[in-house]
C-alpha atoms as a PDB file:
ATOM      1  CA  MET A   1      81.426  36.325 108.053  1.00  0.00           C
ATOM      2  CA  GLY A   2      80.189  39.566 109.759  1.00  0.00           C
ATOM      3  CA  PRO A   3      78.746  39.915 113.067  1.00  0.00           C
ATOM      4  CA  TYR A   4      75.434  38.445 114.003  1.00  0.00           C
ATOM      5  CA  SER A   5      72.558  41.017 113.700  1.00  0.00           C
ATOM      6  CA  PRO A   6      69.823  40.157 116.250  1.00  0.00           C
ATOM      7  CA  PRO A   7      66.367  40.931 115.780  1.00  0.00           C
ATOM      8  CA  PRO A   8      64.743  43.448 117.954  1.00  0.00           C
ATOM      9  CA  GLY A   9      63.397  40.715 120.220  1.00  0.00           C
ATOM     10  CA  LEU A  10      64.323  37.743 122.440  1.00  0.00           C
ATOM     11  CA  PHE A  11      63.758  34.122 122.453  1.00  0.00           C
ATOM     12  CA  ARG A  12      61.947  32.152 125.323  1.00  0.00           C
ATOM     13  CA  ALA A  13      61.608  28.754 126.102  1.00  0.00           C
ATOM     14  CA  ASN A  14      58.305  26.778 126.272  1.00  0.00           C
ATOM     15  CA  LYS A  15      57.234  25.235 129.746  1.00  0.00           C
ATOM     16  CA  ARG A  16      59.154  22.124 128.903  1.00  0.00           C
ATOM     17  CA  PHE A  17      61.995  23.921 127.491  1.00  0.00           C
ATOM     18  CA  GLU A  18      61.731  22.063 124.146  1.00  0.00           C
ATOM     19  CA  VAL A  19      61.016  24.887 121.731  1.00  0.00           C
ATOM     20  CA  THR A  20      61.834  28.524 121.861  1.00  0.00           C
ATOM     21  CA  GLU A  21      59.683  31.395 120.216  1.00  0.00           C
ATOM     22  CA  PHE A  22      60.705  34.766 119.162  1.00  0.00           C
ATOM     23  CA  ILE A  23      59.167  37.539 121.195  1.00  0.00           C
ATOM     24  CA  PRO A  24      59.460  41.301 120.112  1.00  0.00           C
ATOM     25  CA  VAL A  25      61.084  43.343 122.910  1.00  0.00           C
ATOM     26  CA  ASN A  26      58.162  45.714 122.893  1.00  0.00           C
ATOM     27  CA  LYS A  27      55.810  42.940 123.934  1.00  0.00           C
ATOM     28  CA  ILE A  28      57.729  42.247 127.101  1.00  0.00           C
ATOM     29  CA  LYS A  29      56.722  44.239 130.290  1.00  0.00           C
ATOM     30  CA  VAL A  30      58.895  44.129 133.336  1.00  0.00           C
ATOM     31  CA  PRO A  31      56.761  43.897 136.531  1.00  0.00           C
ATOM     32  CA  ASP A  32      57.403  46.290 139.588  1.00  0.00           C
ATOM     33  CA  GLY A  33      59.308  44.881 142.536  1.00  0.00           C
ATOM     34  CA  ARG A  34      61.888  42.963 140.760  1.00  0.00           C
ATOM     35  CA  LEU A  35      64.428  41.037 142.851  1.00  0.00           C
ATOM     36  CA  ARG A  36      67.395  42.744 141.724  1.00  0.00           C
ATOM     37  CA  LEU A  37      68.142  46.075 139.629  1.00  0.00           C
ATOM     38  CA  VAL A  38      69.650  45.702 136.268  1.00  0.00           C
ATOM     39  CA  ASP A  39      73.429  46.796 136.152  1.00  0.00           C
ATOM     40  CA  GLU A  40      73.393  48.922 132.994  1.00  0.00           C
ATOM     41  CA  GLU A  41      77.041  48.148 132.388  1.00  0.00           C
ATOM     42  CA  TRP A  42      76.617  44.400 132.540  1.00  0.00           C
ATOM     43  CA  ALA A  43      73.483  44.596 130.354  1.00  0.00           C
ATOM     44  CA  ALA A  44      75.554  46.570 127.651  1.00  0.00           C
ATOM     45  CA  LEU A  45      78.048  43.686 127.766  1.00  0.00           C
ATOM     46  CA  ILE A  46      75.307  41.072 127.335  1.00  0.00           C
ATOM     47  CA  GLY A  47      73.865  43.186 124.585  1.00  0.00           C
ATOM     48  CA  ALA A  48      77.231  43.326 122.745  1.00  0.00           C
ATOM     49  CA  ALA A  49      77.792  39.622 123.141  1.00  0.00           C
ATOM     50  CA  MET A  50      74.345  39.210 121.534  1.00  0.00           C
ATOM     51  CA  VAL A  51      75.441  41.204 118.562  1.00  0.00           C
ATOM     52  CA  GLU A  52      78.464  39.032 118.150  1.00  0.00           C
ATOM     53  CA  ILE A  53      77.178  35.565 118.863  1.00  0.00           C
ATOM     54  CA  GLY A  54      73.489  35.730 119.228  1.00  0.00           C
ATOM     55  CA  GLN A  55      71.305  34.972 122.325  1.00  0.00           C
ATOM     56  CA  LYS A  56      72.332  31.821 124.051  1.00  0.00           C
ATOM     57  CA  THR A  57      69.998  31.591 126.898  1.00  0.00           C
ATOM     58  CA  PRO A  58      66.227  32.306 126.528  1.00  0.00           C
ATOM     59  CA  VAL A  59      64.523  34.592 129.041  1.00  0.00           C
ATOM     60  CA  ASP A  60      61.711  33.369 131.092  1.00  0.00           C
ATOM     61  CA  LEU A  61      58.375  34.998 130.271  1.00  0.00           C
ATOM     62  CA  VAL A  62      54.715  34.362 131.111  1.00  0.00           C
ATOM     63  CA  ALA A  63      51.935  35.347 128.767  1.00  0.00           C
ATOM     64  CA  ASP A  64      49.667  38.438 129.976  1.00  0.00           C
ATOM     65  CA  GLY A  65      47.078  38.855 127.105  1.00  0.00           C
ATOM     66  CA  ASP A  66      48.813  40.141 124.025  1.00  0.00           C
ATOM     67  CA  ALA A  67      52.179  40.691 126.067  1.00  0.00           C
ATOM     68  CA  PHE A  68      54.435  38.896 128.287  1.00  0.00           C
ATOM     69  CA  LEU A  69      55.674  39.491 131.734  1.00  0.00           C
ATOM     70  CA  LEU A  70      59.331  38.974 132.497  1.00  0.00           C
ATOM     71  CA  VAL A  71      59.992  36.287 135.150  1.00  0.00           C
ATOM     72  CA  ALA A  72      63.875  36.023 134.606  1.00  0.00           C
ATOM     73  CA  GLY A  73      66.505  37.549 132.312  1.00  0.00           C
ATOM     74  CA  GLY A  74      66.171  41.311 133.032  1.00  0.00           C
ATOM     75  CA  HIS A  75      69.905  41.707 131.922  1.00  0.00           C
ATOM     76  CA  ARG A  76      69.327  39.947 128.791  1.00  0.00           C
ATOM     77  CA  LEU A  77      66.179  41.948 128.099  1.00  0.00           C
ATOM     78  CA  ARG A  78      67.878  45.344 128.791  1.00  0.00           C
ATOM     79  CA  GLY A  79      70.990  44.241 126.642  1.00  0.00           C
ATOM     80  CA  ALA A  80      68.527  43.577 123.814  1.00  0.00           C
ATOM     81  CA  GLN A  81      66.991  46.892 124.330  1.00  0.00           C
ATOM     82  CA  ILE A  82      70.330  48.645 124.422  1.00  0.00           C
ATOM     83  CA  VAL A  83      71.520  47.254 120.979  1.00  0.00           C
END
């Protein structure tokens, strides 16, 4: 079996963490004033892990019209963008 090929997006959990839904990366906006900066090296490692085994932990997003705002998961988002 070959390595996992992730789609160009991420999964997020609903409010009760019962169901996840697929959100294309280009629909996710990162708001200004994030608590911590993204470490590109760490994000690249996460992206590589996503290629090998898939995304294990959903990102936290809130709906913003037709898009979504990132609440938590900046390294996972950046990792998905890198790969």
